[in-house]
Amino acid sequence: MPSSDSTSDQDGYGPSTSLDSNMDGRKLWHRSDSSGSVQSWASSLSADSQSEEAAADFMKSFVPLLFDAPNTIDQEQKANFGQMVLTESGRIWFSRVVNTRRARPCVTEASFYSLAQHFAVALFECHEADDFAPAKSLMNMCFTFYHEVEVPGLEPYREYLYTHLRIQPIWTSMRFWTAAFFDAVQCERASRPVPPRPKSLDQEASAAEDRRFQANIVFGQLG
């Protein structure tokens, strides 16, 4: 008569579970599907790690060209950039590396228009993917980077990236502004200390005090 273990292994109904002994006599559980699940999970983590590493490496070498040598960027590099910002890692690393250049906001005319072109691509992909964190950073930097426009007989004036990027659809996206508002409220709540309450306050008065505190934060963000 076949043993119950062999029936369990061969009946074809879901993953089998068997109890074996190792050389030390200790009992170990083995699930037939667990190794595949672990391998799949590990492969996914490895792929994500490789994707992020590739995005970081590319942006760290590409972004300096936008600022220092925009005329050397070829079509292949532009195509690679377009592929990178289709991914979440690519968008995040683009915003991170550009952010490191904020200390020198005035750029050359060639750099300015190259930045405008690549910001436009990245912001469009952020809008399509509802990827609001890098979008928020890039949109802030639209008011950071500028070039000086020479006008005969007048003082040069600053032209900011926003001038060319305000037509991007994310600027009028209620989904983005709602997410940005709640993110700002959460950041304010996390950074602002809760005021001490008198011990004499009862539970209802304490709740009312907390509501006023939260309302002040919200109105502060709106104002």
N, C-alpha and C. Protein backbone atom coordinates (compact mmCIF):
# COMPACT_ATOMS: atom_id res chain seq x y z
N MET A 1 0.86 -1.20 0.00
CA MET A 1 0.00 0.00 0.00
C MET A 1 0.89 1.24 0.00
N PRO A 2 0.61 2.24 -0.88
CA PRO A 2 1.42 3.46 -0.90
C PRO A 2 1.24 4.24 0.38
N SER A 3 2.29 4.90 0.80
CA SER A 3 2.22 5.67 2.03
C SER A 3 1.47 6.96 1.79
N SER A 4 1.03 7.60 2.90
CA SER A 4 0.30 8.86 2.78
C SER A 4 1.18 9.94 2.18
N ASP A 5 2.54 9.86 2.43
CA ASP A 5 3.44 10.86 1.87
C ASP A 5 3.45 10.80 0.36
N SER A 6 3.49 9.60 -0.21
CA SER A 6 3.54 9.48 -1.66
C SER A 6 2.25 9.94 -2.28
N THR A 7 1.12 9.68 -1.62
CA THR A 7 -0.16 10.15 -2.14
C THR A 7 -0.20 11.66 -2.17
N SER A 8 0.32 12.27 -1.08
CA SER A 8 0.34 13.73 -1.02
C SER A 8 1.19 14.32 -2.12
N ASP A 9 2.30 13.64 -2.46
CA ASP A 9 3.19 14.16 -3.48
C ASP A 9 2.62 14.03 -4.87
N GLN A 10 1.72 13.04 -5.10
CA GLN A 10 1.31 12.72 -6.45
C GLN A 10 -0.14 13.05 -6.75
N ASP A 11 -0.89 13.56 -5.75
CA ASP A 11 -2.32 13.75 -6.03
C ASP A 11 -2.58 14.96 -6.91
N GLY A 12 -1.62 15.88 -7.04
CA GLY A 12 -1.78 16.99 -7.99
C GLY A 12 -2.62 18.12 -7.48
N TYR A 13 -3.01 18.11 -6.21
CA TYR A 13 -3.86 19.17 -5.69
C TYR A 13 -3.02 20.12 -4.84
N GLY A 14 -2.48 21.16 -5.48
CA GLY A 14 -1.75 22.18 -4.76
C GLY A 14 -0.38 21.73 -4.33
N PRO A 15 0.35 22.57 -3.65
CA PRO A 15 1.71 22.26 -3.22
C PRO A 15 1.70 21.22 -2.12
N SER A 16 2.64 20.29 -2.19
CA SER A 16 2.72 19.25 -1.17
C SER A 16 3.63 19.70 -0.05
N THR A 17 3.42 19.12 1.12
CA THR A 17 4.25 19.41 2.28
C THR A 17 4.73 18.10 2.86
N SER A 18 6.03 17.96 3.05
CA SER A 18 6.56 16.72 3.59
C SER A 18 7.47 17.03 4.76
N LEU A 19 7.63 16.07 5.64
CA LEU A 19 8.48 16.22 6.80
C LEU A 19 9.64 15.26 6.67
N ASP A 20 10.86 15.78 6.51
CA ASP A 20 12.04 14.94 6.34
C ASP A 20 12.99 15.15 7.51
N SER A 21 13.98 14.26 7.60
CA SER A 21 15.01 14.39 8.63
C SER A 21 16.33 14.70 7.95
N ASN A 22 17.10 15.60 8.55
CA ASN A 22 18.42 15.83 8.01
C ASN A 22 19.41 14.90 8.70
N MET A 23 20.69 15.06 8.40
CA MET A 23 21.69 14.13 8.91
C MET A 23 21.83 14.24 10.42
N ASP A 24 21.43 15.34 11.03
CA ASP A 24 21.52 15.49 12.47
C ASP A 24 20.27 15.00 13.18
N GLY A 25 19.32 14.53 12.41
CA GLY A 25 18.10 14.04 13.01
C GLY A 25 17.08 15.12 13.28
N ARG A 26 17.38 16.38 12.93
CA ARG A 26 16.42 17.46 13.17
C ARG A 26 15.37 17.47 12.06
N LYS A 27 14.17 17.87 12.41
CA LYS A 27 13.05 17.88 11.48
C LYS A 27 12.97 19.22 10.76
N LEU A 28 12.81 19.18 9.45
CA LEU A 28 12.70 20.39 8.65
C LEU A 28 11.48 20.29 7.75
N TRP A 29 10.71 21.38 7.69
CA TRP A 29 9.57 21.43 6.79
C TRP A 29 10.06 21.87 5.42
N HIS A 30 9.53 21.20 4.38
CA HIS A 30 9.85 21.57 3.00
C HIS A 30 8.55 21.76 2.25
N ARG A 31 8.34 22.96 1.70
CA ARG A 31 7.17 23.20 0.85
C ARG A 31 7.64 23.25 -0.58
N SER A 32 6.94 22.52 -1.43
CA SER A 32 7.39 22.40 -2.82
C SER A 32 7.32 23.72 -3.57
N ASP A 33 6.45 24.67 -3.10
CA ASP A 33 6.32 25.93 -3.84
C ASP A 33 7.13 27.05 -3.23
N SER A 34 7.69 26.85 -2.05
CA SER A 34 8.33 27.96 -1.35
C SER A 34 9.60 28.40 -2.05
N SER A 35 10.38 27.47 -2.56
CA SER A 35 11.65 27.84 -3.19
C SER A 35 11.40 28.69 -4.43
N GLY A 36 10.36 28.33 -5.20
CA GLY A 36 10.03 29.12 -6.38
C GLY A 36 9.60 30.52 -6.02
N SER A 37 8.80 30.65 -4.92
CA SER A 37 8.34 31.96 -4.50
C SER A 37 9.50 32.82 -4.03
N VAL A 38 10.40 32.22 -3.27
CA VAL A 38 11.56 32.96 -2.77
C VAL A 38 12.44 33.40 -3.93
N GLN A 39 12.65 32.49 -4.90
CA GLN A 39 13.47 32.84 -6.05
C GLN A 39 12.85 33.98 -6.85
N SER A 40 11.52 33.92 -7.01
CA SER A 40 10.83 34.98 -7.75
C SER A 40 10.96 36.31 -7.03
N TRP A 41 10.78 36.29 -5.70
CA TRP A 41 10.89 37.51 -4.89
C TRP A 41 12.31 38.06 -4.95
N ALA A 42 13.29 37.16 -4.83
CA ALA A 42 14.69 37.58 -4.88
C ALA A 42 15.04 38.15 -6.25
N SER A 43 14.51 37.52 -7.31
CA SER A 43 14.76 38.01 -8.66
C SER A 43 14.18 39.40 -8.86
N SER A 44 12.97 39.61 -8.28
CA SER A 44 12.33 40.91 -8.39
C SER A 44 13.16 41.98 -7.68
N LEU A 45 13.64 41.65 -6.47
CA LEU A 45 14.47 42.59 -5.73
C LEU A 45 15.75 42.90 -6.49
N SER A 46 16.34 41.86 -7.07
CA SER A 46 17.58 42.04 -7.82
C SER A 46 17.36 42.93 -9.03
N ALA A 47 16.23 42.70 -9.74
CA ALA A 47 15.92 43.51 -10.92
C ALA A 47 15.69 44.97 -10.54
N ASP A 48 14.96 45.19 -9.42
CA ASP A 48 14.71 46.56 -8.96
C ASP A 48 16.02 47.25 -8.59
N SER A 49 16.89 46.50 -7.91
CA SER A 49 18.18 47.06 -7.50
C SER A 49 19.03 47.43 -8.71
N GLN A 50 19.03 46.54 -9.70
CA GLN A 50 19.80 46.80 -10.92
C GLN A 50 19.24 47.99 -11.68
N SER A 51 17.89 48.09 -11.71
CA SER A 51 17.24 49.20 -12.40
C SER A 51 17.60 50.53 -11.74
N GLU A 52 17.57 50.56 -10.41
CA GLU A 52 17.90 51.79 -9.69
C GLU A 52 19.37 52.15 -9.86
N GLU A 53 20.22 51.15 -9.81
CA GLU A 53 21.65 51.39 -9.99
C GLU A 53 21.95 51.94 -11.38
N ALA A 54 21.28 51.36 -12.38
CA ALA A 54 21.47 51.83 -13.76
C ALA A 54 20.99 53.27 -13.91
N ALA A 55 19.83 53.58 -13.30
CA ALA A 55 19.29 54.94 -13.37
C ALA A 55 20.23 55.93 -12.69
N ALA A 56 20.74 55.55 -11.52
CA ALA A 56 21.66 56.43 -10.79
C ALA A 56 22.93 56.69 -11.59
N ASP A 57 23.50 55.63 -12.14
CA ASP A 57 24.74 55.78 -12.92
C ASP A 57 24.52 56.66 -14.14
N PHE A 58 23.39 56.43 -14.83
CA PHE A 58 23.14 57.22 -16.05
C PHE A 58 22.95 58.69 -15.71
N MET A 59 22.10 58.98 -14.72
CA MET A 59 21.81 60.38 -14.41
C MET A 59 23.03 61.11 -13.86
N LYS A 60 23.87 60.40 -13.11
CA LYS A 60 25.07 61.04 -12.56
C LYS A 60 26.06 61.43 -13.66
N SER A 61 26.01 60.74 -14.78
CA SER A 61 26.89 61.10 -15.89
C SER A 61 26.19 62.02 -16.90
N PHE A 62 24.85 61.93 -16.99
CA PHE A 62 24.12 62.70 -18.00
C PHE A 62 23.81 64.12 -17.54
N VAL A 63 23.34 64.26 -16.31
CA VAL A 63 22.91 65.59 -15.83
C VAL A 63 24.04 66.62 -15.88
N PRO A 64 25.28 66.28 -15.50
CA PRO A 64 26.35 67.28 -15.62
C PRO A 64 26.52 67.81 -17.04
N LEU A 65 26.20 66.99 -18.05
CA LEU A 65 26.29 67.46 -19.43
C LEU A 65 25.27 68.56 -19.70
N LEU A 66 24.09 68.46 -19.09
CA LEU A 66 23.07 69.49 -19.28
C LEU A 66 23.57 70.86 -18.82
N PHE A 67 24.36 70.85 -17.76
CA PHE A 67 24.85 72.11 -17.20
C PHE A 67 26.17 72.56 -17.82
N ASP A 68 27.06 71.62 -18.07
CA ASP A 68 28.43 71.98 -18.43
C ASP A 68 28.75 71.84 -19.92
N ALA A 69 28.06 70.93 -20.61
CA ALA A 69 28.37 70.71 -22.03
C ALA A 69 27.12 70.29 -22.80
N PRO A 70 26.08 71.12 -22.80
CA PRO A 70 24.81 70.72 -23.44
C PRO A 70 24.94 70.46 -24.93
N ASN A 71 25.88 71.11 -25.59
CA ASN A 71 26.03 70.93 -27.04
C ASN A 71 26.67 69.60 -27.42
N THR A 72 27.18 68.87 -26.43
CA THR A 72 27.81 67.58 -26.73
C THR A 72 26.83 66.41 -26.63
N ILE A 73 25.61 66.67 -26.17
CA ILE A 73 24.62 65.59 -25.99
C ILE A 73 24.12 65.15 -27.36
N ASP A 74 24.24 63.85 -27.65
CA ASP A 74 23.82 63.35 -28.96
C ASP A 74 22.44 62.71 -28.87
N GLN A 75 21.93 62.28 -30.02
CA GLN A 75 20.57 61.72 -30.09
C GLN A 75 20.44 60.43 -29.30
N GLU A 76 21.49 59.63 -29.27
CA GLU A 76 21.43 58.37 -28.52
C GLU A 76 21.29 58.64 -27.02
N GLN A 77 22.02 59.62 -26.53
CA GLN A 77 21.92 59.97 -25.11
C GLN A 77 20.54 60.53 -24.78
N LYS A 78 19.99 61.33 -25.70
CA LYS A 78 18.64 61.85 -25.49
C LYS A 78 17.62 60.71 -25.47
N ALA A 79 17.80 59.73 -26.35
CA ALA A 79 16.89 58.58 -26.39
C ALA A 79 17.01 57.77 -25.11
N ASN A 80 18.23 57.59 -24.62
CA ASN A 80 18.44 56.86 -23.37
C ASN A 80 17.79 57.58 -22.20
N PHE A 81 17.88 58.91 -22.21
CA PHE A 81 17.22 59.69 -21.16
C PHE A 81 15.71 59.47 -21.20
N GLY A 82 15.15 59.52 -22.41
CA GLY A 82 13.72 59.30 -22.55
C GLY A 82 13.28 57.95 -22.03
N GLN A 83 14.09 56.91 -22.25
CA GLN A 83 13.78 55.58 -21.73
C GLN A 83 13.90 55.55 -20.21
N MET A 84 14.90 56.23 -19.69
CA MET A 84 15.11 56.22 -18.24
C MET A 84 13.96 56.86 -17.48
N VAL A 85 13.45 58.00 -17.99
CA VAL A 85 12.40 58.69 -17.25
C VAL A 85 11.03 58.03 -17.43
N LEU A 86 10.98 56.96 -18.21
CA LEU A 86 9.76 56.14 -18.23
C LEU A 86 9.65 55.33 -16.95
N THR A 87 10.75 55.20 -16.22
CA THR A 87 10.77 54.41 -14.99
C THR A 87 10.76 55.32 -13.77
N GLU A 88 10.24 54.79 -12.67
CA GLU A 88 10.22 55.56 -11.42
C GLU A 88 11.63 55.90 -10.95
N SER A 89 12.54 54.92 -11.03
CA SER A 89 13.92 55.15 -10.60
C SER A 89 14.58 56.25 -11.43
N GLY A 90 14.32 56.25 -12.73
CA GLY A 90 14.91 57.26 -13.60
C GLY A 90 14.44 58.66 -13.25
N ARG A 91 13.13 58.80 -12.97
CA ARG A 91 12.59 60.13 -12.63
C ARG A 91 13.14 60.61 -11.28
N ILE A 92 13.21 59.70 -10.33
CA ILE A 92 13.72 60.07 -9.00
C ILE A 92 15.17 60.52 -9.09
N TRP A 93 15.98 59.74 -9.81
CA TRP A 93 17.41 60.08 -9.87
C TRP A 93 17.66 61.33 -10.71
N PHE A 94 16.84 61.59 -11.70
CA PHE A 94 16.99 62.84 -12.46
C PHE A 94 16.77 64.03 -11.53
N SER A 95 15.69 63.99 -10.74
CA SER A 95 15.40 65.11 -9.84
C SER A 95 16.47 65.22 -8.76
N ARG A 96 16.96 64.09 -8.27
CA ARG A 96 17.99 64.13 -7.22
C ARG A 96 19.29 64.77 -7.72
N VAL A 97 19.73 64.35 -8.90
CA VAL A 97 21.02 64.85 -9.39
C VAL A 97 20.91 66.31 -9.80
N VAL A 98 19.79 66.69 -10.42
CA VAL A 98 19.60 68.11 -10.76
C VAL A 98 19.58 68.95 -9.48
N ASN A 99 18.98 68.42 -8.43
CA ASN A 99 18.88 69.15 -7.17
C ASN A 99 20.25 69.50 -6.59
N THR A 100 21.25 68.68 -6.88
CA THR A 100 22.59 68.95 -6.36
C THR A 100 23.23 70.16 -7.03
N ARG A 101 22.63 70.65 -8.10
CA ARG A 101 23.20 71.80 -8.83
C ARG A 101 22.51 73.13 -8.48
N ARG A 102 21.66 73.12 -7.48
CA ARG A 102 20.88 74.32 -7.17
C ARG A 102 21.73 75.47 -6.63
N ALA A 103 22.91 75.17 -6.15
CA ALA A 103 23.75 76.23 -5.59
C ALA A 103 24.19 77.24 -6.65
N ARG A 104 24.15 76.83 -7.91
CA ARG A 104 24.52 77.74 -9.01
C ARG A 104 23.34 77.84 -9.97
N PRO A 105 22.35 78.66 -9.63
CA PRO A 105 21.11 78.70 -10.41
C PRO A 105 21.23 79.36 -11.77
N CYS A 106 22.20 80.25 -11.94
CA CYS A 106 22.35 80.94 -13.23
C CYS A 106 23.13 80.06 -14.19
N VAL A 107 22.51 79.76 -15.34
CA VAL A 107 23.14 78.87 -16.32
C VAL A 107 23.28 79.59 -17.65
N THR A 108 24.04 78.99 -18.54
CA THR A 108 24.20 79.57 -19.87
C THR A 108 22.91 79.40 -20.67
N GLU A 109 22.81 80.13 -21.76
CA GLU A 109 21.61 80.02 -22.60
C GLU A 109 21.46 78.61 -23.17
N ALA A 110 22.56 78.01 -23.61
CA ALA A 110 22.49 76.65 -24.16
C ALA A 110 22.06 75.65 -23.10
N SER A 111 22.59 75.80 -21.90
CA SER A 111 22.21 74.92 -20.80
C SER A 111 20.75 75.13 -20.42
N PHE A 112 20.31 76.38 -20.43
CA PHE A 112 18.93 76.71 -20.07
C PHE A 112 17.94 75.98 -20.97
N TYR A 113 18.15 76.04 -22.27
CA TYR A 113 17.20 75.42 -23.19
C TYR A 113 17.31 73.89 -23.18
N SER A 114 18.49 73.38 -22.89
CA SER A 114 18.63 71.93 -22.75
C SER A 114 17.91 71.44 -21.49
N LEU A 115 18.04 72.20 -20.40
CA LEU A 115 17.31 71.86 -19.18
C LEU A 115 15.80 71.92 -19.41
N ALA A 116 15.35 72.96 -20.10
CA ALA A 116 13.91 73.10 -20.37
C ALA A 116 13.39 71.90 -21.15
N GLN A 117 14.15 71.46 -22.14
CA GLN A 117 13.73 70.33 -22.96
C GLN A 117 13.62 69.05 -22.13
N HIS A 118 14.61 68.79 -21.30
CA HIS A 118 14.62 67.54 -20.54
C HIS A 118 13.69 67.59 -19.32
N PHE A 119 13.52 68.76 -18.73
CA PHE A 119 12.50 68.93 -17.69
C PHE A 119 11.12 68.63 -18.26
N ALA A 120 10.86 69.10 -19.47
CA ALA A 120 9.55 68.89 -20.09
C ALA A 120 9.25 67.40 -20.25
N VAL A 121 10.24 66.65 -20.70
CA VAL A 121 10.05 65.20 -20.87
C VAL A 121 9.79 64.54 -19.52
N ALA A 122 10.59 64.90 -18.51
CA ALA A 122 10.45 64.28 -17.19
C ALA A 122 9.12 64.64 -16.55
N LEU A 123 8.71 65.90 -16.64
CA LEU A 123 7.43 66.32 -16.04
C LEU A 123 6.25 65.66 -16.74
N PHE A 124 6.34 65.48 -18.05
CA PHE A 124 5.27 64.79 -18.76
C PHE A 124 5.13 63.36 -18.26
N GLU A 125 6.25 62.67 -18.09
CA GLU A 125 6.20 61.28 -17.61
C GLU A 125 5.74 61.22 -16.16
N CYS A 126 6.12 62.20 -15.35
CA CYS A 126 5.61 62.25 -13.97
C CYS A 126 4.10 62.39 -13.96
N HIS A 127 3.59 63.23 -14.85
CA HIS A 127 2.14 63.43 -14.94
C HIS A 127 1.43 62.16 -15.39
N GLU A 128 1.99 61.49 -16.38
CA GLU A 128 1.39 60.26 -16.90
C GLU A 128 1.37 59.16 -15.84
N ALA A 129 2.41 59.11 -14.99
CA ALA A 129 2.55 58.03 -14.01
C ALA A 129 2.03 58.41 -12.63
N ASP A 130 1.48 59.63 -12.48
CA ASP A 130 1.09 60.12 -11.14
C ASP A 130 2.26 59.99 -10.17
N ASP A 131 3.44 60.33 -10.62
CA ASP A 131 4.66 60.23 -9.80
C ASP A 131 4.95 61.62 -9.24
N PHE A 132 4.37 61.91 -8.08
CA PHE A 132 4.33 63.28 -7.62
C PHE A 132 5.58 63.74 -6.88
N ALA A 133 6.33 62.83 -6.27
CA ALA A 133 7.50 63.25 -5.50
C ALA A 133 8.58 63.90 -6.38
N PRO A 134 9.05 63.23 -7.44
CA PRO A 134 10.03 63.92 -8.30
C PRO A 134 9.42 65.10 -9.04
N ALA A 135 8.12 65.03 -9.35
CA ALA A 135 7.47 66.16 -10.02
C ALA A 135 7.52 67.40 -9.15
N LYS A 136 7.23 67.23 -7.87
CA LYS A 136 7.25 68.37 -6.93
C LYS A 136 8.63 69.00 -6.88
N SER A 137 9.66 68.17 -6.83
CA SER A 137 11.03 68.68 -6.79
C SER A 137 11.38 69.42 -8.08
N LEU A 138 11.04 68.84 -9.22
CA LEU A 138 11.35 69.47 -10.51
C LEU A 138 10.58 70.78 -10.69
N MET A 139 9.33 70.79 -10.26
CA MET A 139 8.52 72.00 -10.40
C MET A 139 9.07 73.13 -9.53
N ASN A 140 9.54 72.79 -8.34
CA ASN A 140 10.19 73.81 -7.50
C ASN A 140 11.42 74.38 -8.20
N MET A 141 12.17 73.49 -8.85
CA MET A 141 13.41 73.94 -9.51
C MET A 141 13.15 74.73 -10.78
N CYS A 142 11.91 74.71 -11.26
CA CYS A 142 11.55 75.57 -12.39
C CYS A 142 11.66 77.05 -12.00
N PHE A 143 11.62 77.33 -10.69
CA PHE A 143 11.77 78.70 -10.19
C PHE A 143 13.18 78.94 -9.64
N THR A 144 14.06 77.97 -9.85
CA THR A 144 15.45 78.09 -9.38
C THR A 144 16.39 78.46 -10.52
N PHE A 145 16.35 77.66 -11.58
CA PHE A 145 17.33 77.84 -12.67
C PHE A 145 16.85 78.89 -13.68
N TYR A 146 17.79 79.72 -14.08
CA TYR A 146 17.47 80.80 -15.02
C TYR A 146 18.71 81.15 -15.84
N HIS A 147 18.47 81.91 -16.90
CA HIS A 147 19.59 82.53 -17.61
C HIS A 147 19.27 84.00 -17.79
N GLU A 148 20.28 84.79 -18.00
CA GLU A 148 20.10 86.23 -18.13
C GLU A 148 19.93 86.61 -19.60
N VAL A 149 18.87 87.33 -19.88
CA VAL A 149 18.55 87.75 -21.24
C VAL A 149 19.05 89.17 -21.45
N GLU A 150 19.88 89.33 -22.44
CA GLU A 150 20.44 90.65 -22.75
C GLU A 150 19.45 91.45 -23.61
N VAL A 151 19.19 92.66 -23.20
CA VAL A 151 18.32 93.57 -23.95
C VAL A 151 19.09 94.86 -24.20
N PRO A 152 19.26 95.25 -25.47
CA PRO A 152 20.03 96.47 -25.76
C PRO A 152 19.46 97.69 -25.03
N GLY A 153 20.33 98.38 -24.33
CA GLY A 153 19.92 99.61 -23.65
C GLY A 153 19.27 99.39 -22.30
N LEU A 154 19.07 98.13 -21.91
CA LEU A 154 18.41 97.83 -20.64
C LEU A 154 19.27 96.85 -19.83
N GLU A 155 18.93 96.76 -18.55
CA GLU A 155 19.59 95.77 -17.70
C GLU A 155 19.14 94.37 -18.10
N PRO A 156 20.04 93.39 -18.06
CA PRO A 156 19.63 92.00 -18.34
C PRO A 156 18.55 91.56 -17.34
N TYR A 157 17.64 90.73 -17.79
CA TYR A 157 16.63 90.21 -16.88
C TYR A 157 16.71 88.68 -16.84
N ARG A 158 16.17 88.12 -15.77
CA ARG A 158 16.23 86.68 -15.56
C ARG A 158 15.03 85.98 -16.20
N GLU A 159 15.31 84.96 -16.95
CA GLU A 159 14.25 84.13 -17.52
C GLU A 159 14.36 82.75 -16.86
N TYR A 160 13.31 82.37 -16.14
CA TYR A 160 13.31 81.11 -15.40
C TYR A 160 12.72 79.98 -16.24
N LEU A 161 13.06 78.75 -15.85
CA LEU A 161 12.55 77.58 -16.57
C LEU A 161 11.03 77.56 -16.62
N TYR A 162 10.40 78.06 -15.56
CA TYR A 162 8.93 78.04 -15.51
C TYR A 162 8.31 78.72 -16.73
N THR A 163 8.98 79.73 -17.24
CA THR A 163 8.46 80.45 -18.41
C THR A 163 8.17 79.50 -19.57
N HIS A 164 8.99 78.48 -19.73
CA HIS A 164 8.83 77.54 -20.84
C HIS A 164 8.09 76.26 -20.44
N LEU A 165 7.99 76.00 -19.14
CA LEU A 165 7.42 74.73 -18.69
C LEU A 165 6.02 74.87 -18.10
N ARG A 166 5.50 76.07 -18.02
CA ARG A 166 4.19 76.26 -17.41
C ARG A 166 3.07 75.65 -18.23
N ILE A 167 3.34 75.30 -19.49
CA ILE A 167 2.30 74.67 -20.32
C ILE A 167 2.20 73.17 -20.07
N GLN A 168 3.11 72.61 -19.28
CA GLN A 168 3.04 71.18 -18.97
C GLN A 168 1.75 70.89 -18.21
N PRO A 169 1.04 69.80 -18.56
CA PRO A 169 -0.27 69.54 -17.96
C PRO A 169 -0.26 69.34 -16.45
N ILE A 170 0.89 68.96 -15.89
CA ILE A 170 0.91 68.70 -14.44
C ILE A 170 0.66 69.96 -13.63
N TRP A 171 0.93 71.13 -14.21
CA TRP A 171 0.70 72.38 -13.48
C TRP A 171 -0.78 72.61 -13.20
N THR A 172 -1.65 72.03 -14.01
CA THR A 172 -3.09 72.21 -13.82
C THR A 172 -3.76 70.93 -13.35
N SER A 173 -2.98 69.97 -12.87
CA SER A 173 -3.53 68.69 -12.43
C SER A 173 -4.01 68.79 -10.97
N MET A 174 -5.31 68.63 -10.76
CA MET A 174 -5.84 68.65 -9.40
C MET A 174 -5.31 67.47 -8.59
N ARG A 175 -5.06 66.36 -9.24
CA ARG A 175 -4.51 65.20 -8.53
C ARG A 175 -3.13 65.54 -7.95
N PHE A 176 -2.32 66.23 -8.74
CA PHE A 176 -1.00 66.61 -8.23
C PHE A 176 -1.11 67.59 -7.08
N TRP A 177 -1.90 68.65 -7.25
CA TRP A 177 -1.96 69.67 -6.21
C TRP A 177 -2.60 69.15 -4.93
N THR A 178 -3.56 68.24 -5.06
CA THR A 178 -4.13 67.63 -3.85
C THR A 178 -3.08 66.81 -3.12
N ALA A 179 -2.33 66.00 -3.88
CA ALA A 179 -1.28 65.19 -3.27
C ALA A 179 -0.20 66.08 -2.66
N ALA A 180 0.18 67.15 -3.35
CA ALA A 180 1.21 68.05 -2.84
C ALA A 180 0.75 68.75 -1.57
N PHE A 181 -0.54 69.12 -1.53
CA PHE A 181 -1.08 69.78 -0.35
C PHE A 181 -1.03 68.86 0.87
N PHE A 182 -1.52 67.62 0.70
CA PHE A 182 -1.53 66.70 1.83
C PHE A 182 -0.11 66.33 2.25
N ASP A 183 0.80 66.25 1.30
CA ASP A 183 2.20 65.98 1.64
C ASP A 183 2.77 67.13 2.48
N ALA A 184 2.45 68.36 2.09
CA ALA A 184 2.94 69.52 2.85
C ALA A 184 2.36 69.54 4.26
N VAL A 185 1.07 69.19 4.38
CA VAL A 185 0.44 69.15 5.70
C VAL A 185 1.10 68.10 6.58
N GLN A 186 1.36 66.91 6.01
CA GLN A 186 2.00 65.84 6.79
C GLN A 186 3.40 66.25 7.22
N CYS A 187 4.15 66.89 6.33
CA CYS A 187 5.51 67.34 6.68
C CYS A 187 5.46 68.37 7.80
N GLU A 188 4.47 69.28 7.73
CA GLU A 188 4.33 70.30 8.76
C GLU A 188 3.96 69.68 10.10
N ARG A 189 3.06 68.69 10.07
CA ARG A 189 2.68 68.01 11.30
C ARG A 189 3.87 67.30 11.94
N ALA A 190 4.69 66.71 11.07
CA ALA A 190 5.84 65.96 11.59
C ALA A 190 6.90 66.88 12.18
N SER A 191 7.02 68.09 11.63
CA SER A 191 8.09 68.99 12.08
C SER A 191 7.66 69.92 13.20
N ARG A 192 6.34 70.18 13.32
CA ARG A 192 5.89 71.13 14.33
C ARG A 192 5.59 70.40 15.64
N PRO A 193 6.18 70.79 16.75
CA PRO A 193 5.90 70.11 18.02
C PRO A 193 4.48 70.36 18.49
N VAL A 194 3.89 69.35 19.09
CA VAL A 194 2.54 69.49 19.64
C VAL A 194 2.62 70.33 20.91
N PRO A 195 1.83 71.40 21.02
CA PRO A 195 1.91 72.25 22.22
C PRO A 195 1.44 71.49 23.45
N PRO A 196 2.08 71.75 24.60
CA PRO A 196 1.66 71.06 25.83
C PRO A 196 0.26 71.48 26.24
N ARG A 197 -0.47 70.55 26.80
CA ARG A 197 -1.84 70.84 27.24
C ARG A 197 -1.90 70.83 28.77
N PRO A 198 -2.68 71.74 29.32
CA PRO A 198 -2.86 71.72 30.78
C PRO A 198 -3.47 70.40 31.23
N LYS A 199 -3.00 69.91 32.35
CA LYS A 199 -3.51 68.63 32.86
C LYS A 199 -4.98 68.71 33.24
N SER A 200 -5.46 69.93 33.46
CA SER A 200 -6.85 70.08 33.89
C SER A 200 -7.85 69.89 32.75
N LEU A 201 -7.37 69.89 31.50
CA LEU A 201 -8.29 69.73 30.36
C LEU A 201 -8.91 68.34 30.37
N ASP A 202 -10.25 68.30 30.18
CA ASP A 202 -10.89 66.99 30.07
C ASP A 202 -10.73 66.47 28.64
N GLN A 203 -11.25 65.27 28.37
CA GLN A 203 -11.05 64.64 27.07
C GLN A 203 -11.66 65.45 25.94
N GLU A 204 -12.85 65.99 26.15
CA GLU A 204 -13.52 66.76 25.10
C GLU A 204 -12.76 68.05 24.79
N ALA A 205 -12.30 68.73 25.83
CA ALA A 205 -11.54 69.96 25.62
C ALA A 205 -10.21 69.68 24.95
N SER A 206 -9.60 68.55 25.31
CA SER A 206 -8.33 68.16 24.70
C SER A 206 -8.51 67.88 23.21
N ALA A 207 -9.63 67.22 22.85
CA ALA A 207 -9.91 66.93 21.45
C ALA A 207 -10.13 68.22 20.66
N ALA A 208 -10.84 69.18 21.28
CA ALA A 208 -11.08 70.46 20.62
C ALA A 208 -9.77 71.22 20.40
N GLU A 209 -8.88 71.14 21.39
CA GLU A 209 -7.57 71.79 21.27
C GLU A 209 -6.76 71.17 20.13
N ASP A 210 -6.85 69.84 20.01
CA ASP A 210 -6.12 69.15 18.94
C ASP A 210 -6.67 69.53 17.58
N ARG A 211 -7.99 69.68 17.47
CA ARG A 211 -8.60 70.07 16.20
C ARG A 211 -8.14 71.47 15.79
N ARG A 212 -8.06 72.37 16.76
CA ARG A 212 -7.59 73.73 16.46
C ARG A 212 -6.13 73.71 15.99
N PHE A 213 -5.34 72.86 16.62
CA PHE A 213 -3.93 72.74 16.24
C PHE A 213 -3.80 72.25 14.80
N GLN A 214 -4.58 71.21 14.45
CA GLN A 214 -4.54 70.67 13.09
C GLN A 214 -5.08 71.68 12.08
N ALA A 215 -6.13 72.41 12.46
CA ALA A 215 -6.71 73.40 11.56
C ALA A 215 -5.72 74.52 11.26
N ASN A 216 -4.96 74.92 12.27
CA ASN A 216 -3.96 75.97 12.06
C ASN A 216 -2.91 75.53 11.05
N ILE A 217 -2.53 74.26 11.11
CA ILE A 217 -1.55 73.74 10.15
C ILE A 217 -2.12 73.79 8.73
N VAL A 218 -3.36 73.33 8.57
CA VAL A 218 -3.99 73.30 7.25
C VAL A 218 -4.14 74.70 6.68
N PHE A 219 -4.65 75.63 7.50
CA PHE A 219 -4.83 77.00 7.01
C PHE A 219 -3.49 77.66 6.73
N GLY A 220 -2.47 77.27 7.48
CA GLY A 220 -1.13 77.80 7.20
C GLY A 220 -0.65 77.39 5.82
N GLN A 221 -0.95 76.16 5.41
CA GLN A 221 -0.56 75.70 4.08
C GLN A 221 -1.39 76.38 2.99
N LEU A 222 -2.65 76.65 3.28
CA LEU A 222 -3.51 77.30 2.28
C LEU A 222 -3.14 78.77 2.09
N GLY A 223 -2.66 79.40 3.17
CA GLY A 223 -2.40 80.83 3.10
C GLY A 223 -1.06 81.18 2.54
